[in-house]
C-alpha atoms as a PDB file:
ATOM      1  CA  MET A   1      12.235-159.209  21.003  1.00  0.00           C
ATOM      2  CA  TYR A   2       8.394-157.862  20.240  1.00  0.00           C
ATOM      3  CA  GLU A   3       6.953-155.652  23.211  1.00  0.00           C
ATOM      4  CA  TYR A   4       3.365-156.283  21.624  1.00  0.00           C
ATOM      5  CA  PHE A   5       1.293-155.798  18.271  1.00  0.00           C
ATOM      6  CA  LYS A   6      -0.612-153.544  17.696  1.00  0.00           C
ATOM      7  CA  GLY A   7      -3.455-152.897  14.857  1.00  0.00           C
ATOM      8  CA  LYS A   8      -6.613-154.441  13.021  1.00  0.00           C
ATOM      9  CA  LEU A   9      -7.666-157.981  14.157  1.00  0.00           C
ATOM     10  CA  VAL A  10      -7.905-159.446  10.438  1.00  0.00           C
ATOM     11  CA  VAL A  11      -8.660-163.344  11.624  1.00  0.00           C
ATOM     12  CA  LYS A  12     -10.302-163.883  14.653  1.00  0.00           C
ATOM     13  CA  ALA A  13     -10.197-167.231  16.018  1.00  0.00           C
ATOM     14  CA  PRO A  14     -10.096-168.771  19.898  1.00  0.00           C
ATOM     15  CA  THR A  15      -7.004-170.038  19.564  1.00  0.00           C
ATOM     16  CA  HIS A  16      -5.352-167.545  17.342  1.00  0.00           C
ATOM     17  CA  VAL A  17      -5.536-163.856  15.602  1.00  0.00           C
ATOM     18  CA  VAL A  18      -4.112-162.082  12.739  1.00  0.00           C
ATOM     19  CA  LEU A  19      -3.212-159.031  13.756  1.00  0.00           C
ATOM     20  CA  ASP A  20      -2.669-156.243  10.437  1.00  0.00           C
ATOM     21  CA  VAL A  21       0.302-154.298  11.407  1.00  0.00           C
ATOM     22  CA  SER A  22       0.965-151.469   8.619  1.00  0.00           C
ATOM     23  CA  GLY A  23      -0.260-153.557   6.612  1.00  0.00           C
ATOM     24  CA  ILE A  24       2.066-156.772   7.982  1.00  0.00           C
ATOM     25  CA  GLY A  25      -0.065-159.732   9.110  1.00  0.00           C
ATOM     26  CA  TYR A  26       1.025-161.433  12.436  1.00  0.00           C
ATOM     27  CA  TYR A  27      -0.031-165.079  13.412  1.00  0.00           C
ATOM     28  CA  LEU A  28      -0.824-165.003  17.186  1.00  0.00           C
ATOM     29  CA  HIS A  29      -1.460-167.704  19.422  1.00  0.00           C
ATOM     30  CA  ILE A  30      -3.755-166.461  21.501  1.00  0.00           C
ATOM     31  CA  SER A  31      -5.560-168.274  25.192  1.00  0.00           C
ATOM     32  CA  LEU A  32      -9.173-168.454  25.176  1.00  0.00           C
ATOM     33  CA  THR A  33      -8.613-165.880  28.199  1.00  0.00           C
ATOM     34  CA  THR A  34      -7.252-163.561  25.656  1.00  0.00           C
ATOM     35  CA  TYR A  35     -10.021-164.288  23.252  1.00  0.00           C
ATOM     36  CA  SER A  36     -12.931-163.388  25.475  1.00  0.00           C
ATOM     37  CA  GLN A  37     -10.938-160.522  26.080  1.00  0.00           C
ATOM     38  CA  ILE A  38     -10.794-158.754  22.288  1.00  0.00           C
ATOM     39  CA  LYS A  39     -13.602-160.879  20.627  1.00  0.00           C
ATOM     40  CA  ASP A  40     -15.783-157.843  20.312  1.00  0.00           C
ATOM     41  CA  GLN A  41     -12.694-155.488  19.327  1.00  0.00           C
ATOM     42  CA  GLU A  42     -12.181-154.489  16.091  1.00  0.00           C
ATOM     43  CA  ASP A  43      -8.495-152.989  16.868  1.00  0.00           C
ATOM     44  CA  CYS A  44      -6.655-154.407  19.331  1.00  0.00           C
ATOM     45  CA  LYS A  45      -3.097-154.094  21.560  1.00  0.00           C
ATOM     46  CA  LEU A  46      -1.565-157.615  21.984  1.00  0.00           C
ATOM     47  CA  TYR A  47       1.245-158.534  24.343  1.00  0.00           C
ATOM     48  CA  ALA A  48       3.443-160.291  22.571  1.00  0.00           C
ATOM     49  CA  SER A  49       5.636-163.721  23.783  1.00  0.00           C
ATOM     50  CA  PHE A  50       8.180-164.641  20.871  1.00  0.00           C
ATOM     51  CA  GLN A  51       8.851-168.310  21.301  1.00  0.00           C
ATOM     52  CA  VAL A  52      11.977-170.159  19.442  1.00  0.00           C
ATOM     53  CA  ARG A  53      12.691-174.278  19.592  1.00  0.00           C
ATOM     54  CA  GLU A  54      14.474-176.120  17.607  1.00  0.00           C
ATOM     55  CA  ASP A  55      11.815-176.639  15.052  1.00  0.00           C
ATOM     56  CA  SER A  56       9.611-173.359  15.223  1.00  0.00           C
ATOM     57  CA  GLN A  57       9.343-170.007  15.728  1.00  0.00           C
ATOM     58  CA  THR A  58       6.040-168.794  17.206  1.00  0.00           C
ATOM     59  CA  LEU A  59       4.543-165.769  18.636  1.00  0.00           C
ATOM     60  CA  TYR A  60       1.773-165.817  21.304  1.00  0.00           C
ATOM     61  CA  GLY A  61      -0.503-162.894  22.269  1.00  0.00           C
ATOM     62  CA  PHE A  62      -1.770-161.422  25.312  1.00  0.00           C
ATOM     63  CA  ALA A  63      -4.509-159.252  25.765  1.00  0.00           C
ATOM     64  CA  THR A  64      -2.710-157.578  29.250  1.00  0.00           C
ATOM     65  CA  GLU A  65       0.971-157.961  30.737  1.00  0.00           C
ATOM     66  CA  ALA A  66      -0.349-159.597  33.719  1.00  0.00           C
ATOM     67  CA  GLU A  67      -1.562-162.572  31.278  1.00  0.00           C
ATOM     68  CA  ARG A  68       2.093-162.497  29.547  1.00  0.00           C
ATOM     69  CA  HIS A  69       4.087-162.318  32.685  1.00  0.00           C
ATOM     70  CA  LEU A  70       2.419-165.297  34.196  1.00  0.00           C
ATOM     71  CA  PHE A  71       2.655-167.033  30.976  1.00  0.00           C
ATOM     72  CA  HIS A  72       6.523-166.363  31.278  1.00  0.00           C
ATOM     73  CA  HIS A  73       6.001-168.220  34.725  1.00  0.00           C
ATOM     74  CA  LEU A  74       4.604-171.431  33.732  1.00  0.00           C
ATOM     75  CA  ILE A  75       6.742-171.576  30.714  1.00  0.00           C
ATOM     76  CA  SER A  76       9.985-171.811  33.417  1.00  0.00           C
ATOM     77  CA  VAL A  77       8.374-174.805  34.623  1.00  0.00           C
ATOM     78  CA  SER A  78      10.267-177.665  33.640  1.00  0.00           C
ATOM     79  CA  GLY A  79       7.852-179.779  31.589  1.00  0.00           C
ATOM     80  CA  ILE A  80       5.666-177.096  30.474  1.00  0.00           C
ATOM     81  CA  GLY A  81       6.196-175.824  26.598  1.00  0.00           C
ATOM     82  CA  PRO A  82       4.676-172.788  24.758  1.00  0.00           C
ATOM     83  CA  ASN A  83       1.639-174.775  24.281  1.00  0.00           C
ATOM     84  CA  THR A  84       0.852-176.196  27.271  1.00  0.00           C
ATOM     85  CA  GLY A  85       1.033-172.951  28.972  1.00  0.00           C
ATOM     86  CA  ARG A  86      -1.360-171.509  26.467  1.00  0.00           C
ATOM     87  CA  MET A  87      -3.407-174.630  27.485  1.00  0.00           C
ATOM     88  CA  MET A  88      -3.462-173.582  31.189  1.00  0.00           C
ATOM     89  CA  LEU A  89      -4.745-170.113  30.880  1.00  0.00           C
ATOM     90  CA  SER A  90      -7.484-171.422  28.169  1.00  0.00           C
ATOM     91  CA  SER A  91      -8.515-173.839  30.981  1.00  0.00           C
ATOM     92  CA  ILE A  92      -8.736-171.184  33.770  1.00  0.00           C
ATOM     93  CA  THR A  93      -8.106-167.754  34.446  1.00  0.00           C
ATOM     94  CA  PRO A  94      -4.641-166.672  35.223  1.00  0.00           C
ATOM     95  CA  GLU A  95      -5.922-165.178  38.676  1.00  0.00           C
ATOM     96  CA  GLU A  96      -7.574-168.550  39.254  1.00  0.00           C
ATOM     97  CA  ILE A  97      -3.965-170.274  38.629  1.00  0.00           C
ATOM     98  CA  GLN A  98      -2.233-167.853  40.504  1.00  0.00           C
ATOM     99  CA  GLN A  99      -4.535-168.586  43.728  1.00  0.00           C
ATOM    100  CA  ALA A 100      -3.828-172.329  43.286  1.00  0.00           C
ATOM    101  CA  ILE A 101      -0.144-172.256  42.996  1.00  0.00           C
ATOM    102  CA  VAL A 102       0.394-169.665  46.341  1.00  0.00           C
ATOM    103  CA  SER A 103      -1.667-171.994  48.054  1.00  0.00           C
ATOM    104  CA  GLY A 104      -0.464-175.363  46.920  1.00  0.00           C
ATOM    105  CA  GLN A 105      -4.159-176.484  45.237  1.00  0.00           C
ATOM    106  CA  VAL A 106      -2.498-179.326  43.127  1.00  0.00           C
ATOM    107  CA  ASN A 107      -5.928-180.596  42.175  1.00  0.00           C
ATOM    108  CA  VAL A 108      -7.006-177.474  40.649  1.00  0.00           C
ATOM    109  CA  ILE A 109      -3.814-177.311  38.706  1.00  0.00           C
ATOM    110  CA  GLN A 110      -4.670-181.134  37.593  1.00  0.00           C
ATOM    111  CA  LYS A 111      -7.793-180.552  36.146  1.00  0.00           C
ATOM    112  CA  ILE A 112      -5.760-178.952  33.120  1.00  0.00           C
ATOM    113  CA  LYS A 113      -5.898-181.050  30.497  1.00  0.00           C
ATOM    114  CA  GLY A 114      -2.259-182.574  29.997  1.00  0.00           C
ATOM    115  CA  ILE A 115      -1.197-181.928  33.040  1.00  0.00           C
ATOM    116  CA  GLY A 116      -0.961-184.825  35.189  1.00  0.00           C
ATOM    117  CA  PRO A 117      -0.168-185.171  39.303  1.00  0.00           C
ATOM    118  CA  LYS A 118       3.690-184.303  39.035  1.00  0.00           C
ATOM    119  CA  THR A 119       3.841-181.749  36.530  1.00  0.00           C
ATOM    120  CA  ALA A 120       0.938-180.186  39.164  1.00  0.00           C
ATOM    121  CA  GLN A 121       3.178-180.577  41.424  1.00  0.00           C
ATOM    122  CA  ARG A 122       6.018-179.330  40.044  1.00  0.00           C
ATOM    123  CA  VAL A 123       4.276-176.068  38.942  1.00  0.00           C
ATOM    124  CA  ILE A 124       3.330-175.672  42.238  1.00  0.00           C
ATOM    125  CA  LEU A 125       6.695-176.380  44.045  1.00  0.00           C
ATOM    126  CA  GLU A 126       8.913-173.822  41.206  1.00  0.00           C
ATOM    127  CA  LEU A 127       6.638-171.530  41.390  1.00  0.00           C
ATOM    128  CA  GLN A 128       4.819-170.979  44.608  1.00  0.00           C
ATOM    129  CA  ASP A 129       7.765-168.897  46.660  1.00  0.00           C
ATOM    130  CA  LYS A 130       8.071-166.617  43.630  1.00  0.00           C
ATOM    131  CA  LEU A 131       4.837-165.846  43.438  1.00  0.00           C
ATOM    132  CA  LYS A 132       4.249-165.399  46.897  1.00  0.00           C
ATOM    133  CA  LYS A 133       7.336-163.459  47.271  1.00  0.00           C
ATOM    134  CA  GLN A 134       6.175-160.285  44.699  1.00  0.00           C
ATOM    135  CA  GLY A 135       2.775-160.750  46.502  1.00  0.00           C
ATOM    136  CA  PRO A 136      -0.664-160.350  45.304  1.00  0.00           C
ATOM    137  CA  ASP A 137      -0.231-158.393  42.682  1.00  0.00           C
ATOM    138  CA  ALA A 138       2.159-160.830  41.400  1.00  0.00           C
ATOM    139  CA  LEU A 139       0.406-160.327  37.801  1.00  0.00           C
ATOM    140  CA  ILE A 140       1.237-157.245  37.496  1.00  0.00           C
ATOM    141  CA  PRO A 141       4.852-156.690  36.441  1.00  0.00           C
ATOM    142  CA  LEU A 142       6.109-153.929  37.894  1.00  0.00           C
ATOM    143  CA  PRO A 143       6.473-150.558  36.253  1.00  0.00           C
ATOM    144  CA  ILE A 144      10.014-149.585  34.520  1.00  0.00           C
ATOM    145  CA  SER A 145      11.738-146.879  36.251  1.00  0.00           C
ATOM    146  CA  LYS A 146      12.229-143.978  33.811  1.00  0.00           C
ATOM    147  CA  PRO A 147      16.072-142.998  34.245  1.00  0.00           C
ATOM    148  CA  SER A 148      16.296-139.141  35.211  1.00  0.00           C
ATOM    149  CA  SER A 149      17.402-136.815  32.761  1.00  0.00           C
ATOM    150  CA  SER A 150      20.739-137.124  34.380  1.00  0.00           C
ATOM    151  CA  GLU A 151      21.075-140.234  33.517  1.00  0.00           C
ATOM    152  CA  GLU A 152      19.942-140.286  30.715  1.00  0.00           C
ATOM    153  CA  ALA A 153      22.942-137.586  29.456  1.00  0.00           C
ATOM    154  CA  LEU A 154      25.692-139.370  31.605  1.00  0.00           C
ATOM    155  CA  THR A 155      24.863-142.521  29.374  1.00  0.00           C
ATOM    156  CA  ALA A 156      25.324-140.834  26.168  1.00  0.00           C
ATOM    157  CA  LEU A 157      28.322-139.062  26.962  1.00  0.00           C
ATOM    158  CA  VAL A 158      30.089-141.801  28.367  1.00  0.00           C
ATOM    159  CA  MET A 159      29.019-143.512  25.117  1.00  0.00           C
ATOM    160  CA  LEU A 160      30.474-140.544  23.028  1.00  0.00           C
ATOM    161  CA  GLY A 161      33.954-141.705  24.883  1.00  0.00           C
ATOM    162  CA  PHE A 162      33.994-139.256  28.105  1.00  0.00           C
ATOM    163  CA  PRO A 163      35.163-140.479  31.121  1.00  0.00           C
ATOM    164  CA  LYS A 164      32.394-141.622  33.567  1.00  0.00           C
ATOM    165  CA  ALA A 165      33.732-139.824  36.539  1.00  0.00           C
ATOM    166  CA  GLN A 166      34.542-136.555  34.898  1.00  0.00           C
ATOM    167  CA  ALA A 167      31.189-136.882  32.737  1.00  0.00           C
ATOM    168  CA  GLU A 168      29.030-137.447  36.577  1.00  0.00           C
ATOM    169  CA  LYS A 169      31.127-133.986  37.584  1.00  0.00           C
ATOM    170  CA  VAL A 170      30.215-131.981  35.220  1.00  0.00           C
ATOM    171  CA  LEU A 171      26.648-133.335  34.893  1.00  0.00           C
ATOM    172  CA  GLN A 172      25.990-132.648  38.527  1.00  0.00           C
ATOM    173  CA  ALA A 173      27.236-129.130  38.659  1.00  0.00           C
ATOM    174  CA  ILE A 174      24.282-128.513  35.617  1.00  0.00           C
ATOM    175  CA  SER A 175      21.750-129.903  37.335  1.00  0.00           C
ATOM    176  CA  THR A 176      22.482-128.193  40.150  1.00  0.00           C
ATOM    177  CA  THR A 177      22.733-124.396  38.388  1.00  0.00           C
ATOM    178  CA  GLU A 178      19.845-125.497  35.965  1.00  0.00           C
ATOM    179  CA  PRO A 179      17.623-128.803  37.020  1.00  0.00           C
ATOM    180  CA  ASP A 180      14.726-128.100  34.519  1.00  0.00           C
ATOM    181  CA  LEU A 181      17.194-128.450  31.489  1.00  0.00           C
ATOM    182  CA  THR A 182      16.066-131.463  29.182  1.00  0.00           C
ATOM    183  CA  VAL A 183      18.506-134.686  28.236  1.00  0.00           C
ATOM    184  CA  GLU A 184      19.628-132.499  25.072  1.00  0.00           C
ATOM    185  CA  GLN A 185      20.250-129.743  26.680  1.00  0.00           C
ATOM    186  CA  MET A 186      22.335-130.894  29.144  1.00  0.00           C
ATOM    187  CA  ILE A 187      24.293-132.916  27.092  1.00  0.00           C
ATOM    188  CA  LYS A 188      25.381-129.648  25.168  1.00  0.00           C
ATOM    189  CA  ALA A 189      25.919-127.802  27.703  1.00  0.00           C
ATOM    190  CA  ALA A 190      28.002-130.486  29.246  1.00  0.00           C
ATOM    191  CA  LEU A 191      29.705-130.731  26.094  1.00  0.00           C
ATOM    192  CA  LYS A 192      30.945-126.865  26.239  1.00  0.00           C
ATOM    193  CA  LYS A 193      32.569-128.084  29.483  1.00  0.00           C
ATOM    194  CA  LEU A 194      34.207-130.996  28.810  1.00  0.00           C
END
């Protein structure tokens, strides 16, 4: 729902911040890892995770996308809620957590407050393969590929009610004759031919 918040840090504590974004104060729970990265800043951008439970709606903020990515992995494990995930990220760095999971070091995960031997084993069991498959850059999510101008134009034309096959054919003809058109120009040209 929320990707990030960017604004002025009004309150800064090791466990939470209040971020003023255009006059609205957002209370975000943070880890010590995030706190150490933003403690000297007045303005900052925090990547958000909005967690909805039966009795609460809570925002968590992260200094990096990588930390948020790992947080989502951690809370996907049965028995680990957002607060435990935040505690894990506060106890050791995201890189150390990832390394411990990939190499199966139960004792490292178990040293974190609130994590027992069974939970530590479950974390490793459920996340080890996911993180190994993603490789050493698992903490850095893959960039979202930007659709090409013709793909965006096709989506727009289909939403306007034109048959996909017909719109695709017209757009293909336009892009071969004039490849440097913007999305808007492509749509206008296609509308003249449809």
